[in-house]
């Protein structure tokens, strides 16, 4: 059983070494552990620090492409190295590497395909209230619309089983956290959540490089959720929006209708009539778009299954992974 810990990093020379060194070399139920770092176009000594701290591989992107691209690149690299379990963590030491055993336990026992760390946001004193409310709202939206079981959907401390990693392909937005949950649910995978410790960032000032502004981050996260839901549940999103507009148009349309029934004309209610008609037409368009998008989504499911089969052929087979794990275990880590 091979564990690969991946760390996306952008200009993290100050904290990356500590983040790598905090990762224990051995875990119960794991034959070997490797660490890979995805350098997202850093301008500092991130690559040198990663190699000096013991990373087995550093993948350098030519330019700063964002966390979603870095995460997807790391996921592919971990699978290529024969990972049975992949853990994603941050380079700023906000997550406690000693808690990885708790994170991977549900996967080792066969109870889950994806395990997310619950930062227990309501208990945190070092997280700004605006960020707390934004994370809580985003998690609630996923639970309500997508059927997510996760209380903290923005957590980046996660473990993925091999089957789960093969089926994930995040491509939208500036972060992967919300869309991978939706993709996992869409693929019928089992998601679990375990409580974790969330420390203040070890970076100077304790600020995140991902979140330059809380308001901007919340807006981008909400947009990512909506776009991902539209991709995977278009009829629910567009059709649901269409039905809401249809209901609103019908309610407004009651004003001129009531006037016509009682007075025999709609005098004085022309604006209500126009607004009602416009809303009904918009609702019908959204419903039609939802039906068309649902047909496209069916084709997407076929494409994703084809991509899964291609990935399955590209990653090392079981006997190759066992041999590689044995060699790696004998080499020290």
C-alpha atoms as a PDB file:
ATOM      1  CA  UNK A   1       0.000   0.000   0.000  1.00  0.00           C
ATOM      2  CA  UNK A   2       1.564   3.241  -1.161  1.00  0.00           C
ATOM      3  CA  UNK A   3       0.756   6.713   0.140  1.00  0.00           C
ATOM      4  CA  UNK A   4       1.669   9.829  -1.839  1.00  0.00           C
ATOM      5  CA  UNK A   5       1.400  13.191  -0.099  1.00  0.00           C
ATOM      6  CA  UNK A   6       1.143  16.040  -2.578  1.00  0.00           C
ATOM      7  CA  UNK A   7       1.725  19.708  -1.796  1.00  0.00           C
ATOM      8  CA  UNK A   8       0.799  22.473  -4.255  1.00  0.00           C
ATOM      9  CA  UNK A   9       3.144  25.404  -3.648  1.00  0.00           C
ATOM     10  CA  UNK A  10       3.592  28.948  -4.915  1.00  0.00           C
ATOM     11  CA  UNK A  11       6.478  31.005  -3.508  1.00  0.00           C
ATOM     12  CA  UNK A  12       6.572  28.922  -0.311  1.00  0.00           C
ATOM     13  CA  UNK A  13      10.298  28.798   0.438  1.00  0.00           C
ATOM     14  CA  UNK A  14       9.722  30.075   3.984  1.00  0.00           C
ATOM     15  CA  UNK A  15       7.349  27.306   5.128  1.00  0.00           C
ATOM     16  CA  UNK A  16       7.555  24.430   2.640  1.00  0.00           C
ATOM     17  CA  UNK A  17      10.560  22.773   4.278  1.00  0.00           C
ATOM     18  CA  UNK A  18       8.799  22.598   7.627  1.00  0.00           C
ATOM     19  CA  UNK A  19       5.594  21.308   5.991  1.00  0.00           C
ATOM     20  CA  UNK A  20       7.518  18.431   4.366  1.00  0.00           C
ATOM     21  CA  UNK A  21       9.554  17.595   7.468  1.00  0.00           C
ATOM     22  CA  UNK A  22       6.401  17.399   9.613  1.00  0.00           C
ATOM     23  CA  UNK A  23       5.089  14.504   7.487  1.00  0.00           C
ATOM     24  CA  UNK A  24       5.897  11.229   9.303  1.00  0.00           C
ATOM     25  CA  UNK A  25       7.965   8.758   7.237  1.00  0.00           C
ATOM     26  CA  UNK A  26       5.865   5.750   8.252  1.00  0.00           C
ATOM     27  CA  UNK A  27       2.163   5.077   8.774  1.00  0.00           C
ATOM     28  CA  UNK A  28       0.334   1.983   9.995  1.00  0.00           C
ATOM     29  CA  UNK A  29      -1.053   0.032   7.040  1.00  0.00           C
ATOM     30  CA  UNK A  30       1.194   1.869   4.563  1.00  0.00           C
ATOM     31  CA  UNK A  31       4.227   0.170   3.017  1.00  0.00           C
ATOM     32  CA  UNK A  32       5.876   3.312   1.700  1.00  0.00           C
ATOM     33  CA  UNK A  33       5.297   7.056   1.674  1.00  0.00           C
ATOM     34  CA  UNK A  34       6.398   9.579  -0.921  1.00  0.00           C
ATOM     35  CA  UNK A  35       6.050  13.344  -1.098  1.00  0.00           C
ATOM     36  CA  UNK A  36       5.604  15.298  -4.301  1.00  0.00           C
ATOM     37  CA  UNK A  37       5.487  19.074  -4.633  1.00  0.00           C
ATOM     38  CA  UNK A  38       3.762  20.897  -7.475  1.00  0.00           C
ATOM     39  CA  UNK A  39       5.570  24.196  -7.952  1.00  0.00           C
ATOM     40  CA  UNK A  40       2.991  26.561  -9.439  1.00  0.00           C
ATOM     41  CA  UNK A  41       5.431  28.863 -11.231  1.00  0.00           C
ATOM     42  CA  UNK A  42       7.235  30.092  -8.113  1.00  0.00           C
ATOM     43  CA  UNK A  43       9.755  32.917  -8.368  1.00  0.00           C
ATOM     44  CA  UNK A  44      11.632  32.048  -5.176  1.00  0.00           C
ATOM     45  CA  UNK A  45      13.578  28.969  -3.953  1.00  0.00           C
ATOM     46  CA  UNK A  46      10.516  26.743  -3.536  1.00  0.00           C
ATOM     47  CA  UNK A  47      11.959  23.987  -5.763  1.00  0.00           C
ATOM     48  CA  UNK A  48      15.342  23.920  -3.964  1.00  0.00           C
ATOM     49  CA  UNK A  49      13.691  23.881  -0.543  1.00  0.00           C
ATOM     50  CA  UNK A  50      11.375  21.024  -1.568  1.00  0.00           C
ATOM     51  CA  UNK A  51      14.221  18.842  -2.802  1.00  0.00           C
ATOM     52  CA  UNK A  52      16.411  19.622   0.206  1.00  0.00           C
ATOM     53  CA  UNK A  53      13.566  18.724   2.596  1.00  0.00           C
ATOM     54  CA  UNK A  54      13.119  15.287   1.027  1.00  0.00           C
ATOM     55  CA  UNK A  55      10.457  15.552  -1.677  1.00  0.00           C
ATOM     56  CA  UNK A  56      10.607  12.562  -4.013  1.00  0.00           C
ATOM     57  CA  UNK A  57       9.551  14.681  -6.981  1.00  0.00           C
ATOM     58  CA  UNK A  58       9.015  18.346  -7.768  1.00  0.00           C
ATOM     59  CA  UNK A  59       6.834  19.218 -10.747  1.00  0.00           C
ATOM     60  CA  UNK A  60       7.369  22.781 -11.940  1.00  0.00           C
ATOM     61  CA  UNK A  61       4.671  24.547 -13.933  1.00  0.00           C
ATOM     62  CA  UNK A  62       6.013  27.151 -16.344  1.00  0.00           C
ATOM     63  CA  UNK A  63       3.723  29.859 -15.005  1.00  0.00           C
ATOM     64  CA  UNK A  64       1.406  30.475 -12.086  1.00  0.00           C
ATOM     65  CA  UNK A  65      -1.698  28.584 -13.245  1.00  0.00           C
ATOM     66  CA  UNK A  66      -3.720  28.508 -10.031  1.00  0.00           C
ATOM     67  CA  UNK A  67      -4.567  25.915  -7.421  1.00  0.00           C
ATOM     68  CA  UNK A  68      -6.970  23.901  -9.580  1.00  0.00           C
ATOM     69  CA  UNK A  69      -4.308  23.227 -12.243  1.00  0.00           C
ATOM     70  CA  UNK A  70      -1.650  22.520  -9.606  1.00  0.00           C
ATOM     71  CA  UNK A  71      -3.950  20.080  -7.806  1.00  0.00           C
ATOM     72  CA  UNK A  72      -4.898  18.257 -11.014  1.00  0.00           C
ATOM     73  CA  UNK A  73      -1.227  18.023 -12.002  1.00  0.00           C
ATOM     74  CA  UNK A  74      -0.302  16.586  -8.606  1.00  0.00           C
ATOM     75  CA  UNK A  75      -3.147  14.075  -8.727  1.00  0.00           C
ATOM     76  CA  UNK A  76      -1.967  12.786 -12.108  1.00  0.00           C
ATOM     77  CA  UNK A  77       1.650  12.595 -10.928  1.00  0.00           C
ATOM     78  CA  UNK A  78       0.678  10.680  -7.777  1.00  0.00           C
ATOM     79  CA  UNK A  79      -1.276   8.135  -9.815  1.00  0.00           C
ATOM     80  CA  UNK A  80       1.663   7.780 -12.189  1.00  0.00           C
ATOM     81  CA  UNK A  81       3.869   6.966  -9.194  1.00  0.00           C
ATOM     82  CA  UNK A  82       1.502   4.124  -8.250  1.00  0.00           C
ATOM     83  CA  UNK A  83      -0.318   5.725  -5.329  1.00  0.00           C
ATOM     84  CA  UNK A  84      -3.019   3.715  -3.586  1.00  0.00           C
ATOM     85  CA  UNK A  85      -3.915   6.686  -1.390  1.00  0.00           C
ATOM     86  CA  UNK A  86      -3.222  10.360  -2.089  1.00  0.00           C
ATOM     87  CA  UNK A  87      -3.231  13.033   0.600  1.00  0.00           C
ATOM     88  CA  UNK A  88      -3.342  16.700  -0.321  1.00  0.00           C
ATOM     89  CA  UNK A  89      -2.053  19.267   2.159  1.00  0.00           C
ATOM     90  CA  UNK A  90      -0.940  22.900   2.137  1.00  0.00           C
ATOM     91  CA  UNK A  91       2.586  24.306   2.108  1.00  0.00           C
ATOM     92  CA  UNK A  92       1.964  26.857   4.867  1.00  0.00           C
ATOM     93  CA  UNK A  93       1.695  24.344   7.750  1.00  0.00           C
ATOM     94  CA  UNK A  94      -1.937  25.154   8.563  1.00  0.00           C
ATOM     95  CA  UNK A  95      -2.723  21.439   8.620  1.00  0.00           C
ATOM     96  CA  UNK A  96      -1.129  19.034  11.106  1.00  0.00           C
ATOM     97  CA  UNK A  97       0.650  16.247   9.226  1.00  0.00           C
ATOM     98  CA  UNK A  98       0.527  14.011  12.318  1.00  0.00           C
ATOM     99  CA  UNK A  99      -3.241  13.746  11.718  1.00  0.00           C
ATOM    100  CA  UNK A 100      -2.802  12.015   8.352  1.00  0.00           C
ATOM    101  CA  UNK A 101      -3.442   8.566   9.943  1.00  0.00           C
ATOM    102  CA  UNK A 102      -6.937   9.738  10.983  1.00  0.00           C
ATOM    103  CA  UNK A 103      -7.511  11.135   7.507  1.00  0.00           C
ATOM    104  CA  UNK A 104      -6.625   7.928   5.670  1.00  0.00           C
ATOM    105  CA  UNK A 105      -8.171   5.463   8.134  1.00  0.00           C
ATOM    106  CA  UNK A 106     -11.651   5.392   6.472  1.00  0.00           C
ATOM    107  CA  UNK A 107      -9.990   4.660   3.118  1.00  0.00           C
ATOM    108  CA  UNK A 108      -7.784   1.910   4.552  1.00  0.00           C
ATOM    109  CA  UNK A 109     -10.833   0.283   6.135  1.00  0.00           C
ATOM    110  CA  UNK A 110     -12.812   0.511   2.890  1.00  0.00           C
ATOM    111  CA  UNK A 111     -15.431   2.851   4.366  1.00  0.00           C
ATOM    112  CA  UNK A 112     -14.770   5.829   2.087  1.00  0.00           C
ATOM    113  CA  UNK A 113     -13.305   6.888  -1.249  1.00  0.00           C
ATOM    114  CA  UNK A 114     -12.694  10.525  -0.294  1.00  0.00           C
ATOM    115  CA  UNK A 115     -12.056  11.849   3.206  1.00  0.00           C
ATOM    116  CA  UNK A 116     -12.110  15.573   3.940  1.00  0.00           C
ATOM    117  CA  UNK A 117     -10.780  17.249   7.060  1.00  0.00           C
ATOM    118  CA  UNK A 118     -13.346  19.233   9.030  1.00  0.00           C
ATOM    119  CA  UNK A 119     -11.656  22.340  10.429  1.00  0.00           C
ATOM    120  CA  UNK A 120     -14.646  22.892  12.775  1.00  0.00           C
ATOM    121  CA  UNK A 121     -14.840  26.481  11.608  1.00  0.00           C
ATOM    122  CA  UNK A 122     -17.294  27.575  14.299  1.00  0.00           C
ATOM    123  CA  UNK A 123     -14.608  26.936  16.944  1.00  0.00           C
ATOM    124  CA  UNK A 124     -11.794  28.853  15.231  1.00  0.00           C
ATOM    125  CA  UNK A 125     -10.727  32.171  16.708  1.00  0.00           C
ATOM    126  CA  UNK A 126      -8.082  33.058  14.094  1.00  0.00           C
ATOM    127  CA  UNK A 127     -10.425  32.923  11.078  1.00  0.00           C
ATOM    128  CA  UNK A 128     -12.160  36.206  10.124  1.00  0.00           C
ATOM    129  CA  UNK A 129     -15.972  36.157  10.574  1.00  0.00           C
ATOM    130  CA  UNK A 130     -16.519  37.010   6.902  1.00  0.00           C
ATOM    131  CA  UNK A 131     -14.508  33.962   5.858  1.00  0.00           C
ATOM    132  CA  UNK A 132     -16.345  31.788   8.378  1.00  0.00           C
ATOM    133  CA  UNK A 133     -19.713  32.841   7.023  1.00  0.00           C
ATOM    134  CA  UNK A 134     -18.563  32.406   3.421  1.00  0.00           C
ATOM    135  CA  UNK A 135     -17.280  28.865   4.074  1.00  0.00           C
ATOM    136  CA  UNK A 136     -20.424  27.972   6.014  1.00  0.00           C
ATOM    137  CA  UNK A 137     -22.682  29.286   3.235  1.00  0.00           C
ATOM    138  CA  UNK A 138     -20.757  27.423   0.517  1.00  0.00           C
ATOM    139  CA  UNK A 139     -20.865  24.164   2.476  1.00  0.00           C
ATOM    140  CA  UNK A 140     -24.595  24.603   3.126  1.00  0.00           C
ATOM    141  CA  UNK A 141     -25.226  25.194  -0.580  1.00  0.00           C
ATOM    142  CA  UNK A 142     -23.423  21.968  -1.510  1.00  0.00           C
ATOM    143  CA  UNK A 143     -25.329  19.988   1.107  1.00  0.00           C
ATOM    144  CA  UNK A 144     -28.658  21.427  -0.053  1.00  0.00           C
ATOM    145  CA  UNK A 145     -28.242  21.313  -3.821  1.00  0.00           C
ATOM    146  CA  UNK A 146     -25.672  18.558  -4.420  1.00  0.00           C
ATOM    147  CA  UNK A 147     -26.400  16.253  -1.477  1.00  0.00           C
ATOM    148  CA  UNK A 148     -22.941  16.693   0.018  1.00  0.00           C
ATOM    149  CA  UNK A 149     -22.351  15.193   3.495  1.00  0.00           C
ATOM    150  CA  UNK A 150     -19.491  17.637   4.168  1.00  0.00           C
ATOM    151  CA  UNK A 151     -19.718  20.398   6.783  1.00  0.00           C
ATOM    152  CA  UNK A 152     -16.470  22.098   5.690  1.00  0.00           C
ATOM    153  CA  UNK A 153     -16.361  22.018   1.896  1.00  0.00           C
ATOM    154  CA  UNK A 154     -13.426  24.456   1.608  1.00  0.00           C
ATOM    155  CA  UNK A 155     -10.947  22.303   3.508  1.00  0.00           C
ATOM    156  CA  UNK A 156      -7.828  21.428   1.505  1.00  0.00           C
ATOM    157  CA  UNK A 157      -6.643  18.643   3.823  1.00  0.00           C
ATOM    158  CA  UNK A 158      -8.019  15.591   2.045  1.00  0.00           C
ATOM    159  CA  UNK A 159      -7.323  11.957   1.286  1.00  0.00           C
ATOM    160  CA  UNK A 160      -8.311  10.235  -1.947  1.00  0.00           C
ATOM    161  CA  UNK A 161      -8.444   6.535  -2.667  1.00  0.00           C
ATOM    162  CA  UNK A 162      -6.986   5.390  -5.994  1.00  0.00           C
ATOM    163  CA  UNK A 163     -10.415   4.822  -7.557  1.00  0.00           C
ATOM    164  CA  UNK A 164     -11.549   8.288  -6.502  1.00  0.00           C
ATOM    165  CA  UNK A 165      -8.402   9.964  -7.841  1.00  0.00           C
ATOM    166  CA  UNK A 166      -8.857   8.240 -11.200  1.00  0.00           C
ATOM    167  CA  UNK A 167     -12.336   9.724 -11.548  1.00  0.00           C
ATOM    168  CA  UNK A 168     -11.581  13.305 -10.501  1.00  0.00           C
ATOM    169  CA  UNK A 169     -10.780  15.920 -13.123  1.00  0.00           C
ATOM    170  CA  UNK A 170     -11.239  19.455 -11.734  1.00  0.00           C
ATOM    171  CA  UNK A 171     -11.032  22.117 -14.445  1.00  0.00           C
ATOM    172  CA  UNK A 172     -13.131  25.040 -13.177  1.00  0.00           C
ATOM    173  CA  UNK A 173     -12.307  28.071 -11.057  1.00  0.00           C
ATOM    174  CA  UNK A 174      -9.454  29.080  -8.799  1.00  0.00           C
ATOM    175  CA  UNK A 175      -9.780  26.194  -6.334  1.00  0.00           C
ATOM    176  CA  UNK A 176     -10.617  22.493  -6.610  1.00  0.00           C
ATOM    177  CA  UNK A 177     -12.289  21.979  -3.225  1.00  0.00           C
ATOM    178  CA  UNK A 178     -15.963  22.388  -4.089  1.00  0.00           C
ATOM    179  CA  UNK A 179     -15.909  20.879  -7.562  1.00  0.00           C
ATOM    180  CA  UNK A 180     -14.138  17.678  -6.480  1.00  0.00           C
ATOM    181  CA  UNK A 181     -16.897  17.066  -3.935  1.00  0.00           C
ATOM    182  CA  UNK A 182     -19.536  17.500  -6.641  1.00  0.00           C
ATOM    183  CA  UNK A 183     -17.584  15.245  -9.024  1.00  0.00           C
ATOM    184  CA  UNK A 184     -17.203  12.566  -6.346  1.00  0.00           C
ATOM    185  CA  UNK A 185     -20.937  12.640  -5.599  1.00  0.00           C
ATOM    186  CA  UNK A 186     -21.706  12.540  -9.321  1.00  0.00           C
ATOM    187  CA  UNK A 187     -19.467   9.449  -9.663  1.00  0.00           C
ATOM    188  CA  UNK A 188     -21.238   7.626  -6.841  1.00  0.00           C
ATOM    189  CA  UNK A 189     -18.203   7.704  -4.526  1.00  0.00           C
ATOM    190  CA  UNK A 190     -18.468   7.635  -0.735  1.00  0.00           C
ATOM    191  CA  UNK A 191     -17.348  10.793   1.091  1.00  0.00           C
ATOM    192  CA  UNK A 192     -16.518  10.972   4.780  1.00  0.00           C
ATOM    193  CA  UNK A 193     -15.340  13.780   7.032  1.00  0.00           C
ATOM    194  CA  UNK A 194     -13.050  13.680  10.068  1.00  0.00           C
ATOM    195  CA  UNK A 195     -12.275  16.492  12.534  1.00  0.00           C
ATOM    196  CA  UNK A 196      -8.828  18.062  12.131  1.00  0.00           C
ATOM    197  CA  UNK A 197      -6.710  20.796  13.672  1.00  0.00           C
ATOM    198  CA  UNK A 198      -6.415  24.037  11.708  1.00  0.00           C
ATOM    199  CA  UNK A 199      -3.507  26.263  12.689  1.00  0.00           C
ATOM    200  CA  UNK A 200      -2.817  29.843  11.711  1.00  0.00           C
ATOM    201  CA  UNK A 201      -0.704  30.046   8.573  1.00  0.00           C
ATOM    202  CA  UNK A 202       3.033  29.958   9.228  1.00  0.00           C
ATOM    203  CA  UNK A 203       3.570  32.556   6.512  1.00  0.00           C
ATOM    204  CA  UNK A 204       4.611  36.040   7.527  1.00  0.00           C
ATOM    205  CA  UNK A 205       1.459  37.818   8.634  1.00  0.00           C
ATOM    206  CA  UNK A 206      -0.507  34.564   8.596  1.00  0.00           C
ATOM    207  CA  UNK A 207      -2.105  35.407   5.245  1.00  0.00           C
ATOM    208  CA  UNK A 208      -3.082  32.918   2.562  1.00  0.00           C
ATOM    209  CA  UNK A 209      -1.622  33.300  -0.935  1.00  0.00           C
ATOM    210  CA  UNK A 210      -4.750  31.788  -2.402  1.00  0.00           C
ATOM    211  CA  UNK A 211      -7.106  34.281  -0.815  1.00  0.00           C
ATOM    212  CA  UNK A 212      -6.018  37.832  -1.604  1.00  0.00           C
ATOM    213  CA  UNK A 213      -9.411  39.164  -0.493  1.00  0.00           C
ATOM    214  CA  UNK A 214     -12.190  37.421   1.404  1.00  0.00           C
ATOM    215  CA  UNK A 215     -14.996  38.987  -0.635  1.00  0.00           C
ATOM    216  CA  UNK A 216     -13.308  38.072  -3.928  1.00  0.00           C
ATOM    217  CA  UNK A 217     -12.653  34.529  -2.715  1.00  0.00           C
ATOM    218  CA  UNK A 218     -16.296  34.040  -1.651  1.00  0.00           C
ATOM    219  CA  UNK A 219     -17.554  35.371  -4.997  1.00  0.00           C
ATOM    220  CA  UNK A 220     -15.175  33.121  -6.971  1.00  0.00           C
ATOM    221  CA  UNK A 221     -16.069  30.088  -4.855  1.00  0.00           C
ATOM    222  CA  UNK A 222     -19.789  30.695  -5.342  1.00  0.00           C
ATOM    223  CA  UNK A 223     -19.266  31.049  -9.095  1.00  0.00           C
ATOM    224  CA  UNK A 224     -17.266  27.797  -9.139  1.00  0.00           C
ATOM    225  CA  UNK A 225     -20.046  25.962  -7.280  1.00  0.00           C
ATOM    226  CA  UNK A 226     -22.721  27.255  -9.671  1.00  0.00           C
ATOM    227  CA  UNK A 227     -20.656  26.431 -12.767  1.00  0.00           C
ATOM    228  CA  UNK A 228     -19.863  22.925 -11.523  1.00  0.00           C
ATOM    229  CA  UNK A 229     -23.456  22.220 -10.542  1.00  0.00           C
ATOM    230  CA  UNK A 230     -24.573  23.446 -13.964  1.00  0.00           C
ATOM    231  CA  UNK A 231     -22.150  21.004 -15.596  1.00  0.00           C
ATOM    232  CA  UNK A 232     -23.254  17.987 -13.585  1.00  0.00           C
ATOM    233  CA  UNK A 233     -26.878  18.830 -12.731  1.00  0.00           C
ATOM    234  CA  UNK A 234     -27.960  21.228 -15.499  1.00  0.00           C
ATOM    235  CA  UNK A 235     -31.631  20.319 -15.415  1.00  0.00           C
ATOM    236  CA  UNK A 236     -31.783  20.930 -11.662  1.00  0.00           C
ATOM    237  CA  UNK A 237     -29.986  24.287 -11.894  1.00  0.00           C
ATOM    238  CA  UNK A 238     -31.425  25.713 -15.120  1.00  0.00           C
ATOM    239  CA  UNK A 239     -34.776  23.944 -14.881  1.00  0.00           C
ATOM    240  CA  UNK A 240     -35.109  24.890 -11.231  1.00  0.00           C
ATOM    241  CA  UNK A 241     -34.287  28.511 -12.061  1.00  0.00           C
ATOM    242  CA  UNK A 242     -36.811  28.414 -14.884  1.00  0.00           C
ATOM    243  CA  UNK A 243     -39.561  27.092 -12.612  1.00  0.00           C
ATOM    244  CA  UNK A 244     -38.765  29.809 -10.050  1.00  0.00           C
ATOM    245  CA  UNK A 245     -39.110  32.504 -12.721  1.00  0.00           C
ATOM    246  CA  UNK A 246     -42.319  30.883 -13.984  1.00  0.00           C
ATOM    247  CA  UNK A 247     -43.791  30.972 -10.487  1.00  0.00           C
ATOM    248  CA  UNK A 248     -42.744  34.611 -10.015  1.00  0.00           C
ATOM    249  CA  UNK A 249     -44.203  35.542 -13.407  1.00  0.00           C
ATOM    250  CA  UNK A 250     -47.463  33.787 -12.552  1.00  0.00           C
ATOM    251  CA  UNK A 251     -47.740  35.632  -9.221  1.00  0.00           C
ATOM    252  CA  UNK A 252     -47.145  39.014 -10.864  1.00  0.00           C
ATOM    253  CA  UNK A 253     -49.565  38.029 -13.633  1.00  0.00           C
ATOM    254  CA  UNK A 254     -52.312  37.660 -11.022  1.00  0.00           C
ATOM    255  CA  UNK A 255     -52.429  41.465 -10.717  1.00  0.00           C
ATOM    256  CA  UNK A 256     -53.706  42.230 -14.270  1.00  0.00           C
ATOM    257  CA  UNK A 257     -55.714  38.975 -14.278  1.00  0.00           C
ATOM    258  CA  UNK A 258     -57.563  39.965 -11.111  1.00  0.00           C
ATOM    259  CA  UNK A 259     -58.212  43.405 -12.577  1.00  0.00           C
ATOM    260  CA  UNK A 260     -59.583  41.870 -15.764  1.00  0.00           C
ATOM    261  CA  UNK A 261     -61.906  39.519 -13.864  1.00  0.00           C
ATOM    262  CA  UNK A 262     -63.242  42.216 -11.557  1.00  0.00           C
ATOM    263  CA  UNK A 263     -63.285  45.235 -13.893  1.00  0.00           C
ATOM    264  CA  UNK A 264     -63.253  43.691 -17.383  1.00  0.00           C
ATOM    265  CA  UNK A 265     -59.959  45.364 -18.347  1.00  0.00           C
ATOM    266  CA  UNK A 266     -56.283  45.585 -17.354  1.00  0.00           C
ATOM    267  CA  UNK A 267     -56.057  49.387 -17.333  1.00  0.00           C
ATOM    268  CA  UNK A 268     -53.254  50.621 -15.100  1.00  0.00           C
ATOM    269  CA  UNK A 269     -51.539  47.237 -14.952  1.00  0.00           C
ATOM    270  CA  UNK A 270     -49.631  47.267 -18.230  1.00  0.00           C
ATOM    271  CA  UNK A 271     -46.241  47.162 -16.470  1.00  0.00           C
ATOM    272  CA  UNK A 272     -47.264  44.102 -14.426  1.00  0.00           C
ATOM    273  CA  UNK A 273     -48.484  42.387 -17.578  1.00  0.00           C
ATOM    274  CA  UNK A 274     -45.224  43.091 -19.433  1.00  0.00           C
ATOM    275  CA  UNK A 275     -43.060  41.948 -16.502  1.00  0.00           C
ATOM    276  CA  UNK A 276     -45.111  38.792 -16.065  1.00  0.00           C
ATOM    277  CA  UNK A 277     -44.894  37.965 -19.781  1.00  0.00           C
ATOM    278  CA  UNK A 278     -41.133  38.602 -19.808  1.00  0.00           C
ATOM    279  CA  UNK A 279     -40.551  36.358 -16.783  1.00  0.00           C
ATOM    280  CA  UNK A 280     -42.630  33.530 -18.283  1.00  0.00           C
ATOM    281  CA  UNK A 281     -40.699  33.725 -21.571  1.00  0.00           C
ATOM    282  CA  UNK A 282     -37.377  33.732 -19.698  1.00  0.00           C
ATOM    283  CA  UNK A 283     -38.489  30.749 -17.618  1.00  0.00           C
ATOM    284  CA  UNK A 284     -39.400  28.762 -20.712  1.00  0.00           C
ATOM    285  CA  UNK A 285     -35.991  29.554 -22.227  1.00  0.00           C
ATOM    286  CA  UNK A 286     -34.200  28.380 -19.091  1.00  0.00           C
ATOM    287  CA  UNK A 287     -36.188  25.142 -18.986  1.00  0.00           C
ATOM    288  CA  UNK A 288     -35.392  24.454 -22.651  1.00  0.00           C
ATOM    289  CA  UNK A 289     -31.709  25.250 -22.047  1.00  0.00           C
ATOM    290  CA  UNK A 290     -31.794  22.892 -19.057  1.00  0.00           C
ATOM    291  CA  UNK A 291     -33.167  20.066 -21.186  1.00  0.00           C
ATOM    292  CA  UNK A 292     -30.528  20.653 -23.876  1.00  0.00           C
ATOM    293  CA  UNK A 293     -27.743  20.902 -21.290  1.00  0.00           C
ATOM    294  CA  UNK A 294     -28.948  17.650 -19.723  1.00  0.00           C
ATOM    295  CA  UNK A 295     -28.432  15.913 -23.070  1.00  0.00           C
ATOM    296  CA  UNK A 296     -24.911  17.366 -23.234  1.00  0.00           C
ATOM    297  CA  UNK A 297     -24.329  16.209 -19.645  1.00  0.00           C
ATOM    298  CA  UNK A 298     -25.203  12.645 -20.674  1.00  0.00           C
ATOM    299  CA  UNK A 299     -22.445  12.856 -23.277  1.00  0.00           C
ATOM    300  CA  UNK A 300     -20.100  14.246 -20.621  1.00  0.00           C
ATOM    301  CA  UNK A 301     -20.707  11.151 -18.497  1.00  0.00           C
ATOM    302  CA  UNK A 302     -19.652   8.961 -21.411  1.00  0.00           C
ATOM    303  CA  UNK A 303     -16.525  11.085 -21.938  1.00  0.00           C
ATOM    304  CA  UNK A 304     -15.631  10.893 -18.251  1.00  0.00           C
ATOM    305  CA  UNK A 305     -15.974   7.114 -18.284  1.00  0.00           C
ATOM    306  CA  UNK A 306     -13.700   6.974 -21.344  1.00  0.00           C
ATOM    307  CA  UNK A 307     -11.172   9.232 -19.555  1.00  0.00           C
ATOM    308  CA  UNK A 308     -11.349   6.963 -16.500  1.00  0.00           C
ATOM    309  CA  UNK A 309     -10.576   3.897 -18.626  1.00  0.00           C
ATOM    310  CA  UNK A 310      -7.627   5.682 -20.273  1.00  0.00           C
ATOM    311  CA  UNK A 311      -6.243   6.721 -16.889  1.00  0.00           C
ATOM    312  CA  UNK A 312      -6.710   3.208 -15.573  1.00  0.00           C
ATOM    313  CA  UNK A 313      -4.565   1.871 -18.417  1.00  0.00           C
ATOM    314  CA  UNK A 314      -1.914   4.561 -17.901  1.00  0.00           C
ATOM    315  CA  UNK A 315      -1.290   4.016 -14.178  1.00  0.00           C
ATOM    316  CA  UNK A 316       0.897   1.109 -12.970  1.00  0.00           C
ATOM    317  CA  UNK A 317      -0.926  -2.201 -12.601  1.00  0.00           C
ATOM    318  CA  UNK A 318      -1.255  -3.864  -9.195  1.00  0.00           C
ATOM    319  CA  UNK A 319       1.793  -6.100  -9.574  1.00  0.00           C
ATOM    320  CA  UNK A 320       3.897  -3.171 -10.799  1.00  0.00           C
ATOM    321  CA  UNK A 321       2.771  -1.019  -7.871  1.00  0.00           C
ATOM    322  CA  UNK A 322       3.584  -3.773  -5.372  1.00  0.00           C
ATOM    323  CA  UNK A 323       7.086  -4.123  -6.828  1.00  0.00           C
ATOM    324  CA  UNK A 324       7.606  -0.335  -6.820  1.00  0.00           C
ATOM    325  CA  UNK A 325       6.350  -0.069  -3.228  1.00  0.00           C
ATOM    326  CA  UNK A 326       8.745  -2.795  -2.114  1.00  0.00           C
ATOM    327  CA  UNK A 327      11.704  -1.041  -3.733  1.00  0.00           C
ATOM    328  CA  UNK A 328      10.684   2.342  -2.250  1.00  0.00           C
ATOM    329  CA  UNK A 329      10.194   0.847   1.216  1.00  0.00           C
ATOM    330  CA  UNK A 330      13.652  -0.658   1.056  1.00  0.00           C
ATOM    331  CA  UNK A 331      15.196   2.665   0.082  1.00  0.00           C
ATOM    332  CA  UNK A 332      14.255   4.346   3.344  1.00  0.00           C
ATOM    333  CA  UNK A 333      10.926   6.167   3.182  1.00  0.00           C
END
